[in-house]
Protein backbone atom coordinates (compact mmCIF):
# COMPACT_ATOMS: atom_id res chain seq x y z
CA LYS A 1 3.21 -2.09 -7.80
CA ILE A 2 2.67 -0.60 -4.39
CA GLU A 3 3.94 2.91 -3.76
CA PHE A 4 4.39 4.76 -0.48
CA PHE A 5 4.40 8.49 -1.26
CA ARG A 6 5.25 11.29 1.20
CA THR A 7 4.09 14.88 0.89
CA GLY A 8 5.18 16.90 3.91
CA ASP A 9 3.91 15.09 7.01
CA GLU A 10 1.35 13.06 5.06
CA LEU A 11 1.87 9.59 3.67
CA GLU A 12 -0.27 8.00 1.00
CA VAL A 13 -0.21 4.41 -0.24
CA PHE A 14 -1.19 3.57 -3.82
CA VAL A 15 -1.56 0.29 -5.69
CA SER A 16 -1.25 0.55 -9.46
CA LEU A 17 -1.27 -1.72 -12.47
CA THR A 18 0.09 -1.17 -15.96
CA GLN A 19 -2.14 -3.45 -18.07
CA TYR A 20 -5.28 -4.13 -16.11
CA ALA A 21 -8.15 -2.08 -14.73
CA PHE A 22 -9.49 -2.92 -11.30
CA ARG A 23 -13.14 -3.99 -11.13
CA LYS A 24 -15.41 -1.26 -9.88
CA VAL A 25 -17.82 -1.73 -7.03
CA GLU A 26 -19.93 1.01 -5.54
CA GLY A 27 -17.49 3.64 -4.25
CA GLY A 28 -14.30 2.23 -5.80
CA ALA A 29 -12.65 -1.19 -5.63
CA LYS A 30 -12.65 -3.85 -2.92
CA VAL A 31 -9.26 -4.14 -1.18
CA ARG A 32 -8.35 -6.92 1.24
CA LEU A 33 -5.36 -6.74 3.56
CA ARG A 34 -3.99 -9.97 5.06
CA ILE A 35 -1.57 -9.49 7.91
CA GLU A 36 0.31 -12.46 9.31
CA GLY A 37 -1.48 -13.73 12.43
CA GLU A 38 -4.45 -11.33 12.15
CA LYS A 39 -7.97 -11.28 10.76
CA GLU A 40 -8.28 -10.07 7.16
CA ILE A 41 -9.30 -6.42 6.73
CA GLU A 42 -11.55 -5.39 3.83
CA GLU A 43 -12.61 -1.97 2.58
CA ILE A 44 -13.53 -0.04 -0.55
CA ALA A 45 -10.76 2.19 -1.92
CA GLY A 46 -10.95 5.03 -4.44
CA LEU A 47 -9.97 4.43 -8.07
CA PHE A 48 -7.81 6.72 -10.25
CA ALA A 49 -6.01 6.73 -13.60
CA GLY A 50 -8.63 4.90 -15.65
CA ASP A 51 -9.33 2.45 -12.82
CA MET A 52 -5.69 1.28 -12.86
CA LYS A 53 -4.67 2.95 -9.59
CA ILE A 54 -6.09 2.69 -6.08
CA LYS A 55 -5.43 4.93 -3.10
CA LEU A 56 -5.63 3.16 0.25
CA SER A 57 -7.42 4.91 3.10
CA LYS A 58 -5.36 6.43 5.90
CA SER A 59 -6.51 3.73 8.33
CA LEU A 60 -5.60 0.90 5.94
CA SER A 61 -2.30 2.56 5.05
CA ASP A 62 -1.45 3.03 8.73
CA ARG A 63 -2.26 -0.62 9.47
CA LEU A 64 -0.14 -1.80 6.53
CA ILE A 65 2.83 0.32 7.64
CA LEU A 66 2.55 -0.78 11.28
CA ALA A 67 2.45 -4.46 10.28
CA LEU A 68 5.56 -4.04 8.14
CA GLN A 69 7.32 -2.19 10.96
CA GLU A 70 6.40 -5.14 13.22
CA GLU A 71 8.10 -7.35 10.60
CA LYS A 72 4.90 -9.19 9.66
CA LYS A 73 4.19 -10.58 6.21
CA VAL A 74 1.42 -8.56 4.53
CA SER A 75 -0.61 -9.38 1.42
CA ILE A 76 -2.79 -6.95 -0.48
CA LEU A 77 -5.53 -8.51 -2.60
CA ILE A 78 -7.65 -6.67 -5.16
CA ASP A 79 -9.76 -8.68 -7.59
CA GLU A 80 -7.45 -11.41 -8.94
CA TRP A 81 -4.33 -9.36 -8.22
CA GLN A 82 -2.19 -10.00 -5.13
CA ASP A 83 1.14 -8.75 -3.84
CA THR A 84 2.88 -9.93 -0.68
CA LEU A 85 5.24 -7.60 1.13
CA LEU A 86 8.00 -8.82 3.39
CA ALA A 87 9.38 -6.46 5.99
CA ASP A 88 13.04 -7.29 5.32
CA SER A 89 14.15 -3.84 4.22
CA PHE A 90 11.00 -1.85 4.94
CA LYS A 91 12.03 -0.22 8.23
CA LYS A 92 15.21 1.26 6.82
CA LYS A 93 13.54 2.54 3.65
CA PHE A 94 10.51 3.85 5.54
CA THR A 95 12.72 5.77 7.99
CA LYS A 96 14.54 7.34 5.06
CA LEU A 97 11.22 8.12 3.34
CA MET A 98 9.87 9.95 6.39
CA ASP A 99 13.09 11.95 6.94
CA LYS A 100 12.15 15.42 5.68
CA SER A 101 15.81 16.31 5.17
CA GLN A 102 16.01 13.61 2.48
CA ASP A 103 14.82 14.28 -1.06
CA TRP A 104 13.31 10.84 -1.27
CA PRO A 105 9.53 11.23 -1.62
CA SER A 106 8.52 7.63 -2.39
CA ILE A 107 9.33 3.95 -2.14
CA GLN A 108 7.88 1.23 -4.35
CA THR A 109 7.65 -2.51 -4.32
CA PRO A 110 9.65 -4.59 -4.38
CA LEU A 111 11.06 -3.15 -1.18
CA LYS A 112 14.56 -4.47 -1.82
């Protein structure tokens, strides 16, 4: 699953699995981001929780969020795992997530 988690003004994006550990490479795990109509982005992300959870960098998280706000299809690929996000309900949920008056600190995939 993919989780968008807000703490104050900061937003973090995590990818986690329940039955599989991501393959380690030097510095973490290789993450690829495919955004509709754009060149694929690749970076190494930190591993947590017995290598079953990855935290995306701020720059990759920001790019992912912007693409979804622009209503583009986005795929995240790590090892053999892939999830594709559609922007259908993202804007509404993201706005609610970032509203500090709401006690709603996270959203998870699917974004329905």
